């Protein structure tokens, strides 16, 4: 069974940092493109970043230079390092890949 479990969210002041983790199981992480998506209250899902099996990364323009996606295939874990957080980054963040998604971890950035 494919499972994705996120953690690391929380309440942080603007300018602060958080690192999100997505622990995966039930599939070989190294061969899949993995994606971070966020959804703010009363808004639709928004693609944030992805990393492919070669380690190539892409970012939404508004998070470039602030967020870093990475993966540790030995630990079956995907990460999202978020620096210089802004109130507009407030959302439920979840990881997707291998046809599944996690339940998400909530990030709240206060001004």
Protein backbone atom coordinates (compact mmCIF):
# COMPACT_ATOMS: atom_id res chain seq x y z
CA UNK A 1 0.00 0.00 0.00
CA UNK A 2 1.34 3.38 -1.03
CA UNK A 3 1.44 5.84 1.87
CA UNK A 4 2.62 9.42 2.19
CA UNK A 5 2.78 11.05 5.61
CA UNK A 6 3.68 14.70 6.00
CA UNK A 7 4.95 16.49 9.08
CA UNK A 8 6.78 19.64 10.06
CA UNK A 9 4.10 22.25 9.68
CA UNK A 10 3.26 24.81 12.33
CA UNK A 11 2.84 28.44 13.21
CA UNK A 12 5.74 30.73 12.36
CA UNK A 13 6.26 34.46 12.09
CA UNK A 14 6.91 36.07 8.74
CA UNK A 15 10.56 35.68 7.84
CA UNK A 16 10.82 32.40 9.69
CA UNK A 17 11.62 28.92 8.42
CA UNK A 18 10.11 25.46 8.45
CA UNK A 19 11.13 22.14 6.99
CA UNK A 20 8.37 19.82 5.85
CA UNK A 21 8.92 16.08 5.56
CA UNK A 22 6.98 13.47 3.62
CA UNK A 23 7.74 9.92 4.65
CA UNK A 24 6.80 7.46 1.95
CA UNK A 25 6.20 3.73 1.90
CA UNK A 26 4.89 1.08 -0.44
CA UNK A 27 6.86 2.17 -3.49
CA UNK A 28 10.40 2.96 -4.62
CA UNK A 29 10.77 6.69 -4.06
CA UNK A 30 13.82 7.04 -6.31
CA UNK A 31 11.97 6.31 -9.54
CA UNK A 32 9.11 8.74 -9.11
CA UNK A 33 8.66 12.44 -9.60
CA UNK A 34 7.46 13.84 -6.30
CA UNK A 35 5.51 17.02 -5.86
CA UNK A 36 4.59 19.45 -3.09
CA UNK A 37 1.17 21.05 -3.43
CA UNK A 38 -0.52 23.56 -1.14
CA UNK A 39 -4.08 24.64 -0.63
CA UNK A 40 -5.09 27.77 1.19
CA UNK A 41 -8.48 28.16 2.78
CA UNK A 42 -11.19 28.79 0.19
CA UNK A 43 -8.73 28.34 -2.66
CA UNK A 44 -7.88 25.50 -5.01
CA UNK A 45 -4.75 23.37 -4.93
CA UNK A 46 -1.56 25.11 -6.04
CA UNK A 47 1.55 23.37 -7.33
CA UNK A 48 4.61 24.48 -5.36
CA UNK A 49 7.56 22.37 -6.44
CA UNK A 50 8.61 19.02 -7.81
CA UNK A 51 11.68 16.86 -8.13
CA UNK A 52 12.12 14.11 -10.69
CA UNK A 53 14.01 10.85 -10.51
CA UNK A 54 17.16 12.57 -11.78
CA UNK A 55 17.05 15.20 -9.06
CA UNK A 56 15.91 18.00 -11.35
CA UNK A 57 13.78 20.51 -9.49
CA UNK A 58 11.16 23.08 -10.40
CA UNK A 59 9.51 25.80 -8.32
CA UNK A 60 6.53 28.07 -8.45
CA UNK A 61 7.82 31.57 -9.19
CA UNK A 62 6.66 32.99 -5.89
CA UNK A 63 8.74 30.51 -3.86
CA UNK A 64 11.90 30.48 -5.97
CA UNK A 65 14.91 31.36 -3.90
CA UNK A 66 13.01 30.71 -0.66
CA UNK A 67 11.97 27.03 -0.87
CA UNK A 68 14.16 24.01 -1.56
CA UNK A 69 12.84 20.58 -2.43
CA UNK A 70 14.99 17.53 -1.82
CA UNK A 71 14.72 13.80 -1.34
CA UNK A 72 16.56 11.14 0.61
CA UNK A 73 15.88 7.90 -1.20
CA UNK A 74 17.58 5.83 1.50
CA UNK A 75 15.18 7.27 4.08
CA UNK A 76 12.22 7.19 1.68
CA UNK A 77 11.59 10.82 2.53
CA UNK A 78 10.82 13.96 0.57
CA UNK A 79 11.55 17.39 2.06
CA UNK A 80 10.59 20.99 1.54
CA UNK A 81 12.83 23.54 3.23
CA UNK A 82 10.97 26.84 3.46
CA UNK A 83 12.81 30.03 4.35
CA UNK A 84 11.74 33.66 4.57
CA UNK A 85 8.13 32.59 4.91
CA UNK A 86 5.39 35.05 4.06
CA UNK A 87 1.75 35.22 5.18
CA UNK A 88 0.70 34.23 1.66
CA UNK A 89 2.49 30.91 2.17
CA UNK A 90 -0.17 29.95 4.72
CA UNK A 91 -1.83 26.74 3.51
CA UNK A 92 -2.19 23.02 3.93
CA UNK A 93 0.88 21.47 2.30
CA UNK A 94 0.83 17.93 0.99
CA UNK A 95 3.08 15.71 -1.07
CA UNK A 96 2.00 13.68 -4.05
CA UNK A 97 3.56 10.92 -6.12
CA UNK A 98 3.13 7.33 -7.21
CA UNK A 99 -0.56 8.00 -7.66
CA UNK A 100 -1.15 9.00 -4.07
CA UNK A 101 -1.18 12.01 -1.80
CA UNK A 102 -0.78 12.52 1.90
CA UNK A 103 -3.20 14.18 4.28
CA UNK A 104 -1.02 17.24 4.57
CA UNK A 105 0.56 19.40 7.22
CA UNK A 106 -0.65 22.89 7.95
CA UNK A 107 1.60 25.92 7.71
CA UNK A 108 0.49 29.23 9.19
CA UNK A 109 2.62 32.33 8.77
CA UNK A 110 1.72 35.32 10.90
CA UNK A 111 2.51 38.86 9.87
